[in-house]
């Protein structure tokens, strides 16, 4: 959530950033924010002035009563009654104005970093680098949705029987590949200094608002109506919310957490031929890394997190590229996002497997996540997170890129985790 002072003090910069995101009504929204903030401040001033008058009158009544001038005290007391009613009205107006202001701020996305390119869609994203060699497969290569049937390792039909489309059943070596990848990703994160967290996979409304999934992605989240809880779309939500309403000491920064969870996304309206098989699911496994940093260090941290995720892809021997997302393709809460995409040699296209983002103070302002420095002053921290990694498309790329007429060769780094070298 943007700070009101941020909008007031850098109106032109915020406006330019929102226009880079293609928020066409940005001037109207920002003007409404300032108008509501003005009204809120005016209401507070009026309330304070009337409260001061009430306090003065109360002292006068006390003096008059001591002096035996009861009739005069009673006359003044009538004014006190009127003032109390006025104060009540002003307090109600202040509360409503504050709620209206917060609701408006909730629908304003984060301001992009200056390096974010302008653009409207994924076609406008900037390729930062490409790594690795795209494998040349044999004639008769198969996409992963055919390979999993051939080797009987993932069953979509059973998932439909049990739950519905988008909920696959992993079995045999398919299940072991899932577990191997999860353990490999967690071990790598621990070696890189992250502390493992095993969070709940259902969260309350406050948690959804804290990290920005609400109200932006409400329709994409599964909701347990009886208990008013949301199934998490990513471990980012519960892990980052560990620090909601917390004041940290500067000495503990950066905080580095990693967590494995299943993730749940309705993905309403996103089905088609381009998202067959593992390319898009309602339930999938993901390892997420989260960092809480000092504002002066967050972009250095973003680069190191990007390099870390790239290191995982290199160890899995997957060709990949890094994209800097344009304003029109960035997530609602992000100030700068790098996407990592692996190349699928069977599908002959790039598949997104990770997003690494810096949210600056956007989430921290919602969360009231602050830290206190040596000067004892508190300020908002910066939050970052990244997929390290999401499993479905990684599995798809491993199966497709490593297929041979005799079977599918597993990446060497996974052999010890799998207990086998090929499928």
Protein backbone atom coordinates (compact mmCIF):
# COMPACT_ATOMS: atom_id res chain seq x y z
CA UNK A 1 0.00 0.00 0.00
CA UNK A 2 1.35 3.40 -0.95
CA UNK A 3 1.94 5.97 1.77
CA UNK A 4 -0.17 9.14 1.56
CA UNK A 5 2.96 11.22 2.13
CA UNK A 6 4.61 9.36 -0.74
CA UNK A 7 1.78 10.52 -3.01
CA UNK A 8 1.81 14.09 -1.67
CA UNK A 9 5.57 14.57 -1.79
CA UNK A 10 6.19 12.84 -5.13
CA UNK A 11 2.89 13.27 -6.95
CA UNK A 12 4.47 13.50 -10.41
CA UNK A 13 6.67 10.44 -9.82
CA UNK A 14 3.82 8.31 -8.50
CA UNK A 15 1.59 9.40 -11.37
CA UNK A 16 4.26 8.54 -13.94
CA UNK A 17 4.77 5.14 -12.32
CA UNK A 18 1.07 4.29 -12.36
CA UNK A 19 0.78 5.40 -15.96
CA UNK A 20 3.68 3.05 -16.75
CA UNK A 21 1.40 0.37 -15.32
CA UNK A 22 -1.37 1.61 -17.64
CA UNK A 23 -3.57 2.85 -14.79
CA UNK A 24 -5.41 5.34 -16.97
CA UNK A 25 -7.49 6.92 -14.18
CA UNK A 26 -4.41 7.49 -12.00
CA UNK A 27 -4.83 11.31 -11.75
CA UNK A 28 -8.41 10.94 -10.50
CA UNK A 29 -7.45 8.27 -7.95
CA UNK A 30 -4.48 10.24 -6.59
CA UNK A 31 -6.57 13.41 -6.35
CA UNK A 32 -9.22 11.48 -4.40
CA UNK A 33 -6.54 10.22 -2.01
CA UNK A 34 -5.33 13.76 -1.33
CA UNK A 35 -8.89 15.06 -0.93
CA UNK A 36 -9.79 12.32 1.57
CA UNK A 37 -6.57 12.92 3.46
CA UNK A 38 -7.34 16.65 3.60
CA UNK A 39 -10.82 15.89 4.93
CA UNK A 40 -9.43 13.48 7.50
CA UNK A 41 -6.93 16.08 8.75
CA UNK A 42 -9.58 18.83 8.85
CA UNK A 43 -11.95 16.60 10.80
CA UNK A 44 -9.20 15.77 13.28
CA UNK A 45 -8.39 19.48 13.76
CA UNK A 46 -12.07 20.31 14.31
CA UNK A 47 -12.43 17.47 16.78
CA UNK A 48 -9.33 18.57 18.71
CA UNK A 49 -10.55 22.18 18.83
CA UNK A 50 -13.99 21.22 20.13
CA UNK A 51 -12.48 18.78 22.61
CA UNK A 52 -10.27 21.61 23.90
CA UNK A 53 -13.37 23.77 24.30
CA UNK A 54 -15.09 20.94 26.19
CA UNK A 55 -12.09 20.61 28.51
CA UNK A 56 -12.14 24.38 29.20
CA UNK A 57 -15.86 24.33 29.96
CA UNK A 58 -15.43 21.39 32.33
CA UNK A 59 -12.84 23.38 34.29
CA UNK A 60 -15.18 26.38 34.38
CA UNK A 61 -18.03 24.22 35.70
CA UNK A 62 -15.77 22.95 38.46
CA UNK A 63 -14.78 26.47 39.45
CA UNK A 64 -18.41 27.70 39.41
CA UNK A 65 -19.57 24.80 41.57
CA UNK A 66 -16.83 25.51 44.12
CA UNK A 67 -17.89 29.16 44.21
CA UNK A 68 -21.54 28.19 44.78
CA UNK A 69 -22.70 29.48 41.41
CA UNK A 70 -24.68 26.35 40.52
CA UNK A 71 -27.17 28.02 38.17
CA UNK A 72 -24.35 29.34 35.97
CA UNK A 73 -22.73 25.92 36.02
CA UNK A 74 -25.95 24.24 34.86
CA UNK A 75 -26.28 26.73 31.97
CA UNK A 76 -22.76 26.02 30.79
CA UNK A 77 -23.33 22.27 31.15
CA UNK A 78 -25.98 22.44 28.39
CA UNK A 79 -23.22 23.61 26.03
CA UNK A 80 -21.16 20.59 27.10
CA UNK A 81 -23.95 18.26 25.99
CA UNK A 82 -24.03 19.90 22.57
CA UNK A 83 -20.26 19.62 22.26
CA UNK A 84 -20.31 15.91 23.09
CA UNK A 85 -22.81 15.29 20.30
CA UNK A 86 -20.66 17.28 17.89
CA UNK A 87 -17.54 15.34 18.92
CA UNK A 88 -19.40 12.06 18.34
CA UNK A 89 -20.42 13.19 14.84
CA UNK A 90 -16.86 14.25 14.03
CA UNK A 91 -15.44 10.95 15.29
CA UNK A 92 -17.86 9.04 13.08
CA UNK A 93 -16.94 11.21 10.12
CA UNK A 94 -13.22 10.72 10.83
CA UNK A 95 -13.61 6.94 11.01
CA UNK A 96 -15.58 6.82 7.76
CA UNK A 97 -13.08 9.05 5.98
CA UNK A 98 -10.19 6.93 7.21
CA UNK A 99 -11.90 3.74 6.01
CA UNK A 100 -12.67 5.31 2.62
CA UNK A 101 -9.05 6.41 2.31
CA UNK A 102 -7.72 2.95 3.19
CA UNK A 103 -10.11 1.28 0.73
CA UNK A 104 -8.88 3.60 -2.02
CA UNK A 105 -5.22 3.00 -1.19
CA UNK A 106 -5.84 -0.76 -1.32
CA UNK A 107 -6.77 -0.61 -5.01
CA UNK A 108 -3.70 1.40 -6.06
CA UNK A 109 -0.82 -0.85 -7.26
CA UNK A 110 2.79 -0.32 -6.31
CA UNK A 111 4.89 2.26 -8.15
CA UNK A 112 7.37 0.55 -10.52
CA UNK A 113 11.10 1.01 -10.08
CA UNK A 114 12.70 3.40 -12.58
CA UNK A 115 14.32 0.46 -14.42
CA UNK A 116 10.95 -1.17 -15.20
CA UNK A 117 10.25 -0.89 -18.94
CA UNK A 118 7.00 0.56 -20.20
CA UNK A 119 4.63 -1.90 -21.84
CA UNK A 120 1.20 -3.45 -21.77
CA UNK A 121 1.74 -7.21 -21.84
CA UNK A 122 4.27 -10.05 -21.69
CA UNK A 123 5.37 -9.22 -25.24
CA UNK A 124 6.89 -6.01 -23.87
CA UNK A 125 9.05 -7.67 -21.20
CA UNK A 126 12.80 -7.15 -21.46
CA UNK A 127 15.12 -10.16 -21.85
CA UNK A 128 18.02 -9.60 -19.45
CA UNK A 129 20.03 -12.73 -20.26
CA UNK A 130 19.84 -16.24 -21.68
CA UNK A 131 21.79 -19.22 -20.37
CA UNK A 132 22.40 -22.75 -21.57
CA UNK A 133 21.96 -24.69 -24.79
CA UNK A 134 18.55 -25.72 -26.06
CA UNK A 135 18.66 -29.51 -26.53
CA UNK A 136 18.10 -31.01 -29.97
CA UNK A 137 15.65 -33.84 -29.44
CA UNK A 138 15.16 -36.93 -31.59
CA UNK A 139 12.32 -37.41 -34.08
CA UNK A 140 9.28 -38.61 -32.22
CA UNK A 141 9.81 -36.39 -29.17
CA UNK A 142 6.76 -36.11 -26.93
CA UNK A 143 5.34 -33.31 -24.78
CA UNK A 144 5.21 -34.09 -21.08
CA UNK A 145 1.46 -34.83 -21.09
CA UNK A 146 2.22 -37.78 -23.38
CA UNK A 147 5.39 -38.81 -21.53
CA UNK A 148 3.61 -39.09 -18.20
CA UNK A 149 1.11 -41.51 -19.76
CA UNK A 150 3.82 -43.50 -21.47
CA UNK A 151 5.77 -44.00 -18.24
CA UNK A 152 2.72 -43.95 -15.91
CA UNK A 153 4.14 -41.41 -13.47
CA UNK A 154 1.43 -38.71 -13.29
CA UNK A 155 -2.29 -39.34 -13.74
CA UNK A 156 -4.65 -36.49 -14.58
CA UNK A 157 -7.67 -38.77 -15.02
CA UNK A 158 -7.39 -40.02 -11.43
CA UNK A 159 -7.16 -36.41 -10.28
CA UNK A 160 -10.38 -35.60 -12.11
CA UNK A 161 -12.03 -38.63 -10.50
CA UNK A 162 -10.98 -37.59 -7.00
CA UNK A 163 -11.26 -33.81 -7.26
CA UNK A 164 -11.46 -32.27 -10.72
CA UNK A 165 -9.35 -30.89 -13.55
CA UNK A 166 -6.05 -29.33 -12.51
CA UNK A 167 -5.41 -31.69 -9.57
CA UNK A 168 -3.01 -34.41 -10.83
CA UNK A 169 -2.05 -37.58 -8.98
CA UNK A 170 1.70 -38.24 -8.85
CA UNK A 171 2.68 -41.87 -8.47
CA UNK A 172 5.74 -44.09 -8.50
CA UNK A 173 8.78 -42.33 -9.89
CA UNK A 174 6.64 -39.24 -10.55
CA UNK A 175 5.93 -38.90 -6.83
CA UNK A 176 9.57 -39.52 -6.00
CA UNK A 177 10.64 -36.84 -8.48
CA UNK A 178 8.35 -34.36 -6.71
CA UNK A 179 9.81 -35.23 -3.31
CA UNK A 180 13.38 -35.13 -4.64
CA UNK A 181 12.93 -31.65 -6.09
CA UNK A 182 11.36 -30.32 -2.89
CA UNK A 183 14.19 -31.69 -0.75
CA UNK A 184 16.84 -30.47 -3.19
CA UNK A 185 15.38 -26.94 -3.23
CA UNK A 186 15.09 -26.83 0.57
CA UNK A 187 18.63 -28.13 1.11
CA UNK A 188 20.01 -25.54 -1.31
CA UNK A 189 18.16 -22.75 0.50
CA UNK A 190 19.42 -23.89 3.90
CA UNK A 191 22.97 -23.93 2.54
CA UNK A 192 22.42 -20.35 1.34
CA UNK A 193 21.51 -19.19 4.85
CA UNK A 194 17.71 -19.36 4.77
CA UNK A 195 15.79 -20.59 7.82
CA UNK A 196 13.12 -23.17 7.00
CA UNK A 197 9.53 -22.37 7.94
CA UNK A 198 6.58 -24.76 7.76
CA UNK A 199 3.58 -22.39 7.79
CA UNK A 200 -0.19 -23.01 7.75
CA UNK A 201 -1.67 -23.35 4.26
CA UNK A 202 -4.87 -21.53 5.20
CA UNK A 203 -4.79 -17.84 6.13
CA UNK A 204 -7.25 -15.29 7.45
CA UNK A 205 -8.39 -12.11 5.72
CA UNK A 206 -5.84 -9.92 7.51
CA UNK A 207 -3.03 -12.03 6.08
CA UNK A 208 -4.46 -11.73 2.57
CA UNK A 209 -4.62 -7.94 2.86
CA UNK A 210 -1.18 -7.82 4.46
CA UNK A 211 0.68 -9.17 1.42
CA UNK A 212 -1.69 -7.73 -1.20
CA UNK A 213 -3.56 -10.81 -2.41
CA UNK A 214 -6.71 -9.06 -1.18
CA UNK A 215 -8.57 -7.34 -2.63
CA UNK A 216 -6.58 -7.72 -5.89
CA UNK A 217 -6.77 -11.53 -6.32
CA UNK A 218 -9.84 -12.40 -4.27
CA UNK A 219 -11.51 -14.19 -7.19
CA UNK A 220 -8.41 -16.35 -7.81
CA UNK A 221 -8.20 -17.74 -4.27
CA UNK A 222 -10.07 -20.71 -2.85
CA UNK A 223 -12.20 -19.63 0.12
CA UNK A 224 -13.45 -21.83 2.96
CA UNK A 225 -16.69 -20.01 3.70
CA UNK A 226 -17.57 -21.75 6.97
CA UNK A 227 -14.35 -20.61 8.61
CA UNK A 228 -13.63 -17.46 6.56
CA UNK A 229 -10.18 -18.74 5.59
CA UNK A 230 -8.31 -18.68 2.28
CA UNK A 231 -6.14 -21.48 0.84
CA UNK A 232 -2.77 -19.94 0.13
CA UNK A 233 -1.72 -19.23 -3.49
CA UNK A 234 1.93 -19.17 -2.37
CA UNK A 235 3.99 -19.58 0.81
CA UNK A 236 4.82 -15.87 0.51
CA UNK A 237 1.52 -15.07 2.22
CA UNK A 238 1.91 -16.91 5.55
CA UNK A 239 5.69 -16.47 5.78
CA UNK A 240 5.67 -12.71 5.19
CA UNK A 241 2.74 -12.34 7.59
CA UNK A 242 4.91 -13.77 10.36
CA UNK A 243 6.21 -10.20 10.62
CA UNK A 244 2.87 -8.37 10.57
CA UNK A 245 2.66 -5.73 13.35
CA UNK A 246 6.28 -6.39 14.31
CA UNK A 247 9.05 -3.91 15.03
CA UNK A 248 12.41 -5.54 14.31
CA UNK A 249 15.85 -4.53 15.43
CA UNK A 250 18.06 -3.39 12.56
CA UNK A 251 20.69 -5.89 13.68
CA UNK A 252 18.52 -8.89 12.69
CA UNK A 253 18.23 -7.74 9.06
CA UNK A 254 18.23 -9.33 6.60
CA UNK A 255 15.77 -12.02 7.63
CA UNK A 256 15.90 -15.00 5.26
CA UNK A 257 13.12 -17.60 5.33
CA UNK A 258 12.30 -20.52 3.06
CA UNK A 259 9.21 -22.69 3.05
CA UNK A 260 7.72 -25.54 1.06
CA UNK A 261 3.93 -25.63 0.70
CA UNK A 262 1.29 -26.83 -1.68
CA UNK A 263 -0.27 -23.83 -3.44
CA UNK A 264 -3.87 -23.38 -4.57
CA UNK A 265 -5.08 -21.15 -7.39
CA UNK A 266 -8.46 -21.13 -9.06
CA UNK A 267 -6.93 -19.84 -12.32
CA UNK A 268 -10.42 -18.84 -13.47
CA UNK A 269 -10.69 -18.19 -17.19
CA UNK A 270 -7.10 -19.17 -17.95
CA UNK A 271 -7.53 -22.58 -19.59
CA UNK A 272 -6.63 -23.40 -23.20
CA UNK A 273 -4.34 -25.44 -25.40
CA UNK A 274 -1.27 -23.47 -24.23
CA UNK A 275 -1.77 -24.58 -20.61
CA UNK A 276 -2.09 -28.33 -21.08
CA UNK A 277 -0.75 -30.85 -18.59
CA UNK A 278 1.50 -29.43 -15.90
CA UNK A 279 1.68 -25.98 -17.46
CA UNK A 280 -1.13 -24.70 -15.25
CA UNK A 281 -2.69 -26.39 -12.23
CA UNK A 282 -5.12 -25.61 -9.44
CA UNK A 283 -2.85 -27.31 -6.87
CA UNK A 284 0.92 -27.47 -7.14
CA UNK A 285 4.04 -27.64 -4.98
CA UNK A 286 6.47 -24.76 -4.59
CA UNK A 287 9.45 -23.76 -2.48
CA UNK A 288 9.43 -20.03 -1.71
CA UNK A 289 12.20 -17.78 -0.41
CA UNK A 290 11.35 -14.58 1.48
CA UNK A 291 13.63 -11.82 2.71
CA UNK A 292 13.00 -8.80 4.94
CA UNK A 293 15.73 -6.21 4.39
CA UNK A 294 16.91 -2.71 5.11
CA UNK A 295 15.65 -0.31 2.40
CA UNK A 296 19.22 0.55 1.43
CA UNK A 297 19.99 -3.10 0.67
CA UNK A 298 16.84 -4.36 -1.06
CA UNK A 299 17.93 -4.02 -4.69
CA UNK A 300 21.27 -5.63 -3.94
CA UNK A 301 19.24 -8.40 -2.29
CA UNK A 302 16.97 -8.70 -5.33
CA UNK A 303 19.97 -9.29 -7.58
CA UNK A 304 21.40 -11.92 -5.22
CA UNK A 305 18.02 -13.71 -5.06
CA UNK A 306 17.84 -13.71 -8.85
CA UNK A 307 21.34 -15.19 -9.04
CA UNK A 308 20.39 -17.81 -6.45
CA UNK A 309 17.36 -18.99 -8.43
CA UNK A 310 19.45 -19.06 -11.61
CA UNK A 311 21.93 -21.27 -9.77
CA UNK A 312 19.19 -23.83 -9.13
CA UNK A 313 18.30 -23.91 -12.82
CA UNK A 314 21.96 -24.33 -13.76
CA UNK A 315 22.32 -27.27 -11.38
CA UNK A 316 19.23 -28.85 -12.96
CA UNK A 317 20.91 -28.38 -16.37
CA UNK A 318 17.96 -26.47 -17.79
CA UNK A 319 18.35 -23.71 -20.40
CA UNK A 320 16.70 -20.55 -19.13
CA UNK A 321 16.31 -16.84 -19.63
CA UNK A 322 15.68 -13.93 -17.26
CA UNK A 323 13.08 -11.28 -18.03
CA UNK A 324 12.56 -7.87 -16.46
CA UNK A 325 8.79 -7.47 -16.45
CA UNK A 326 7.23 -4.38 -17.99
CA UNK A 327 4.79 -2.14 -16.16
CA UNK A 328 1.75 -3.80 -17.69
CA UNK A 329 2.82 -7.36 -16.80
CA UNK A 330 4.06 -6.88 -13.23
CA UNK A 331 2.23 -8.14 -10.18
CA UNK A 332 0.04 -5.66 -8.30
CA UNK A 333 2.35 -5.32 -5.30
CA UNK A 334 5.76 -5.44 -7.00
CA UNK A 335 8.15 -2.57 -7.66
CA UNK A 336 10.46 -4.73 -9.81
CA UNK A 337 10.12 -8.35 -10.89
CA UNK A 338 12.44 -10.75 -12.66
CA UNK A 339 10.84 -13.82 -14.25
CA UNK A 340 12.89 -16.93 -14.94
CA UNK A 341 11.72 -19.07 -17.84
CA UNK A 342 13.03 -22.49 -18.86
CA UNK A 343 12.90 -23.69 -22.44
CA UNK A 344 10.71 -26.67 -23.24
CA UNK A 345 12.30 -28.45 -26.17
CA UNK A 346 9.23 -30.60 -26.82
CA UNK A 347 6.71 -27.74 -26.64
CA UNK A 348 9.26 -25.44 -28.29
CA UNK A 349 8.48 -22.49 -26.05
CA UNK A 350 9.53 -20.78 -22.82
CA UNK A 351 7.82 -21.71 -19.54
CA UNK A 352 7.83 -19.40 -16.52
CA UNK A 353 9.11 -21.20 -13.42
CA UNK A 354 9.97 -18.37 -11.03
CA UNK A 355 9.24 -14.75 -10.21
CA UNK A 356 11.61 -12.82 -7.93
CA UNK A 357 10.24 -9.48 -6.74
CA UNK A 358 11.09 -6.48 -4.60
CA UNK A 359 8.01 -4.90 -3.03
CA UNK A 360 9.92 -2.07 -1.34
CA UNK A 361 7.63 -0.71 1.43
CA UNK A 362 4.34 -1.65 -0.27
CA UNK A 363 3.70 -4.84 1.72
CA UNK A 364 5.45 -3.52 4.82
CA UNK A 365 3.07 -0.54 5.00
CA UNK A 366 0.07 -2.88 4.93
CA UNK A 367 1.71 -5.22 7.43
CA UNK A 368 3.03 -2.42 9.67
CA UNK A 369 6.36 -4.22 9.37
CA UNK A 370 8.99 -1.87 10.75
CA UNK A 371 12.49 -1.87 12.15
CA UNK A 372 14.30 0.34 14.63
CA UNK A 373 17.80 1.60 13.94
CA UNK A 374 20.52 2.97 16.21
CA UNK A 375 18.77 6.34 16.27
CA UNK A 376 15.74 4.57 17.86
CA UNK A 377 13.51 5.79 15.04
CA UNK A 378 11.24 3.27 13.34
CA UNK A 379 10.84 2.96 9.59
CA UNK A 380 9.25 0.52 7.18
CA UNK A 381 11.34 -2.44 6.04
CA UNK A 382 11.49 -3.76 2.48
CA UNK A 383 10.13 -7.22 1.63
CA UNK A 384 11.14 -9.52 -1.22
CA UNK A 385 10.28 -13.02 -2.32
CA UNK A 386 10.90 -15.52 -5.07
CA UNK A 387 9.91 -18.97 -6.29
CA UNK A 388 12.83 -21.29 -5.69
CA UNK A 389 11.23 -23.11 -7.39
CA UNK A 390 7.69 -23.93 -8.52
CA UNK A 391 7.62 -27.60 -9.44
CA UNK A 392 5.10 -28.26 -12.26
CA UNK A 393 6.89 -26.60 -15.18
CA UNK A 394 10.29 -27.64 -13.83
CA UNK A 395 9.06 -31.24 -13.95
CA UNK A 396 7.65 -30.67 -17.43
CA UNK A 397 10.97 -29.30 -18.70
CA UNK A 398 13.02 -32.07 -17.04
CA UNK A 399 10.83 -34.76 -18.61
CA UNK A 400 10.74 -33.16 -22.06
CA UNK A 401 14.33 -31.93 -22.40
CA UNK A 402 15.92 -35.15 -21.09
CA UNK A 403 13.84 -37.69 -23.04
CA UNK A 404 15.58 -40.31 -25.17
CA UNK A 405 14.17 -43.27 -27.12
CA UNK A 406 15.16 -45.47 -24.16
CA UNK A 407 13.75 -43.29 -21.35
CA UNK A 408 14.13 -40.02 -19.49
CA UNK A 409 17.52 -39.19 -17.95
CA UNK A 410 17.35 -37.42 -14.59
CA UNK A 411 19.64 -34.44 -13.77
CA UNK A 412 22.76 -35.61 -11.95
CA UNK A 413 22.13 -33.31 -8.99
CA UNK A 414 18.92 -35.26 -8.23
CA UNK A 415 20.34 -38.79 -8.39
CA UNK A 416 21.12 -39.00 -4.68
CA UNK A 417 17.65 -37.68 -3.82
CA UNK A 418 15.83 -39.97 -6.26
CA UNK A 419 17.60 -43.27 -5.79
CA UNK A 420 17.44 -43.76 -9.60
CA UNK A 421 19.01 -42.13 -12.63
CA UNK A 422 16.34 -42.53 -15.27
CA UNK A 423 12.68 -43.26 -15.90
